[in-house]
């Protein structure tokens, strides 16, 4: 199968549906009945999944459905086309996580903390710092 942009993976029954749909539509437009047959599912199940992609998708995959045809019995078929080739979408970088908002980061505080760390290191080396010795 041709490598296309990666979508969210899951372990469900329809895992990789967007990738499979993109692969089939990259060959050319097709009806819902043809695509459902190729993907091994019923037309109603295919319509449910593809409508979800058309409503909520768009970042990675864009599919357009045209020429709505009523098949009888409440079934609807359309001709689907791939509007844009799938592409990878990188998440925007996040802000750094702040652990403590009351953290004192002034130069004076940094100097004080460095001096305290040097004092602790000297006491540990001489064996007089009993807090960490247990």
Protein backbone atom coordinates (compact mmCIF):
# COMPACT_ATOMS: atom_id res chain seq x y z
CA UNK A 1 0.00 0.00 0.00
CA UNK A 2 1.28 3.47 -0.86
CA UNK A 3 2.59 5.52 2.06
CA UNK A 4 0.35 8.49 2.77
CA UNK A 5 0.16 10.93 5.66
CA UNK A 6 -0.33 9.25 9.02
CA UNK A 7 -3.60 9.70 10.85
CA UNK A 8 -4.50 8.96 14.45
CA UNK A 9 -4.14 5.24 15.05
CA UNK A 10 -6.62 3.12 16.97
CA UNK A 11 -7.28 -0.56 17.47
CA UNK A 12 -10.99 -0.45 16.63
CA UNK A 13 -12.84 -2.16 13.83
CA UNK A 14 -12.41 0.86 11.56
CA UNK A 15 -8.76 1.58 12.35
CA UNK A 16 -7.02 3.28 9.45
CA UNK A 17 -10.26 4.10 7.62
CA UNK A 18 -9.06 7.58 6.63
CA UNK A 19 -5.83 6.17 5.19
CA UNK A 20 -7.67 3.48 3.25
CA UNK A 21 -10.17 6.02 1.94
CA UNK A 22 -7.38 8.38 0.85
CA UNK A 23 -5.63 5.52 -0.91
CA UNK A 24 -8.77 4.49 -2.81
CA UNK A 25 -9.69 8.07 -3.74
CA UNK A 26 -6.13 8.83 -4.90
CA UNK A 27 -6.89 6.49 -7.82
CA UNK A 28 -9.83 8.69 -8.86
CA UNK A 29 -13.42 9.56 -7.88
CA UNK A 30 -15.67 6.69 -6.82
CA UNK A 31 -19.19 6.15 -5.55
CA UNK A 32 -19.94 5.22 -1.96
CA UNK A 33 -21.14 1.78 -3.02
CA UNK A 34 -17.85 1.05 -4.85
CA UNK A 35 -15.75 2.30 -1.94
CA UNK A 36 -17.79 0.34 0.63
CA UNK A 37 -17.31 -2.82 -1.42
CA UNK A 38 -13.55 -2.23 -1.75
CA UNK A 39 -13.21 -1.56 1.98
CA UNK A 40 -15.37 -4.53 2.96
CA UNK A 41 -18.21 -2.79 4.80
CA UNK A 42 -21.87 -1.96 4.29
CA UNK A 43 -22.95 1.22 2.54
CA UNK A 44 -24.65 2.61 5.66
CA UNK A 45 -21.54 2.03 7.76
CA UNK A 46 -19.38 3.64 5.07
CA UNK A 47 -21.71 6.66 4.85
CA UNK A 48 -21.58 7.12 8.63
CA UNK A 49 -17.77 7.09 8.69
CA UNK A 50 -17.32 9.27 5.61
CA UNK A 51 -19.82 11.89 6.82
CA UNK A 52 -17.89 12.10 10.08
CA UNK A 53 -14.69 12.73 8.11
CA UNK A 54 -16.40 15.34 5.94
CA UNK A 55 -17.81 17.19 8.96
CA UNK A 56 -14.93 16.92 11.43
CA UNK A 57 -11.94 16.24 9.19
CA UNK A 58 -10.14 18.70 7.01
CA UNK A 59 -6.79 19.12 8.72
CA UNK A 60 -5.20 16.04 7.24
CA UNK A 61 -7.70 14.74 4.70
CA UNK A 62 -10.33 16.60 2.67
CA UNK A 63 -13.02 14.58 0.93
CA UNK A 64 -15.91 16.03 -1.06
CA UNK A 65 -19.17 14.22 -1.76
CA UNK A 66 -21.31 15.24 -4.74
CA UNK A 67 -24.23 13.93 -6.83
CA UNK A 68 -26.42 12.60 -4.01
CA UNK A 69 -28.56 9.71 -5.24
CA UNK A 70 -31.33 7.97 -3.26
CA UNK A 71 -31.12 4.20 -3.68
CA UNK A 72 -34.37 3.39 -1.90
CA UNK A 73 -34.81 1.95 1.55
CA UNK A 74 -33.26 5.05 3.11
CA UNK A 75 -29.86 4.50 1.50
CA UNK A 76 -27.99 7.42 -0.05
CA UNK A 77 -25.06 7.18 -2.42
CA UNK A 78 -22.68 9.91 -3.55
CA UNK A 79 -19.64 10.32 -5.73
CA UNK A 80 -16.61 11.06 -3.54
CA UNK A 81 -13.48 12.86 -4.64
CA UNK A 82 -10.24 13.71 -2.89
CA UNK A 83 -10.06 17.52 -2.69
CA UNK A 84 -6.49 17.68 -1.44
CA UNK A 85 -3.80 15.05 -1.00
CA UNK A 86 -3.33 13.99 2.63
CA UNK A 87 -0.65 15.86 4.50
CA UNK A 88 1.01 15.57 7.85
CA UNK A 89 -0.04 18.18 10.37
CA UNK A 90 2.41 19.06 13.13
CA UNK A 91 1.01 20.25 16.42
CA UNK A 92 1.98 23.77 17.42
CA UNK A 93 4.67 23.90 20.11
CA UNK A 94 3.33 24.10 23.63
CA UNK A 95 4.22 26.68 26.22
CA UNK A 96 6.66 25.47 28.86
CA UNK A 97 4.92 23.90 31.83
CA UNK A 98 5.04 26.05 34.97
CA UNK A 99 5.38 24.01 38.14
CA UNK A 100 5.40 26.73 40.77
CA UNK A 101 4.11 30.23 40.12
CA UNK A 102 5.57 31.50 43.40
CA UNK A 103 9.09 30.49 42.36
CA UNK A 104 11.54 33.29 43.11
CA UNK A 105 13.83 33.59 40.08
CA UNK A 106 15.56 36.87 40.90
CA UNK A 107 19.36 37.16 40.61
CA UNK A 108 19.59 37.63 44.36
CA UNK A 109 17.70 34.39 45.01
CA UNK A 110 19.84 32.46 42.48
CA UNK A 111 23.00 33.67 44.19
CA UNK A 112 21.63 32.72 47.62
CA UNK A 113 20.65 29.22 46.40
CA UNK A 114 24.07 28.64 44.76
CA UNK A 115 25.84 29.59 48.00
CA UNK A 116 23.60 27.22 49.96
CA UNK A 117 24.31 24.39 47.50
CA UNK A 118 28.09 24.96 47.78
CA UNK A 119 27.81 24.95 51.60
CA UNK A 120 25.85 21.66 51.50
CA UNK A 121 28.38 20.10 49.13
CA UNK A 122 31.24 21.10 51.44
CA UNK A 123 29.44 19.70 54.52
CA UNK A 124 28.57 16.44 52.71
CA UNK A 125 32.19 16.02 51.61
CA UNK A 126 33.41 16.47 55.18
CA UNK A 127 30.72 14.13 56.55
CA UNK A 128 29.04 16.74 58.75
CA UNK A 129 25.77 17.11 56.78
CA UNK A 130 23.60 14.46 58.50
CA UNK A 131 20.25 15.20 56.82
CA UNK A 132 21.11 13.23 53.67
CA UNK A 133 23.17 10.58 55.49
CA UNK A 134 20.05 9.04 57.01
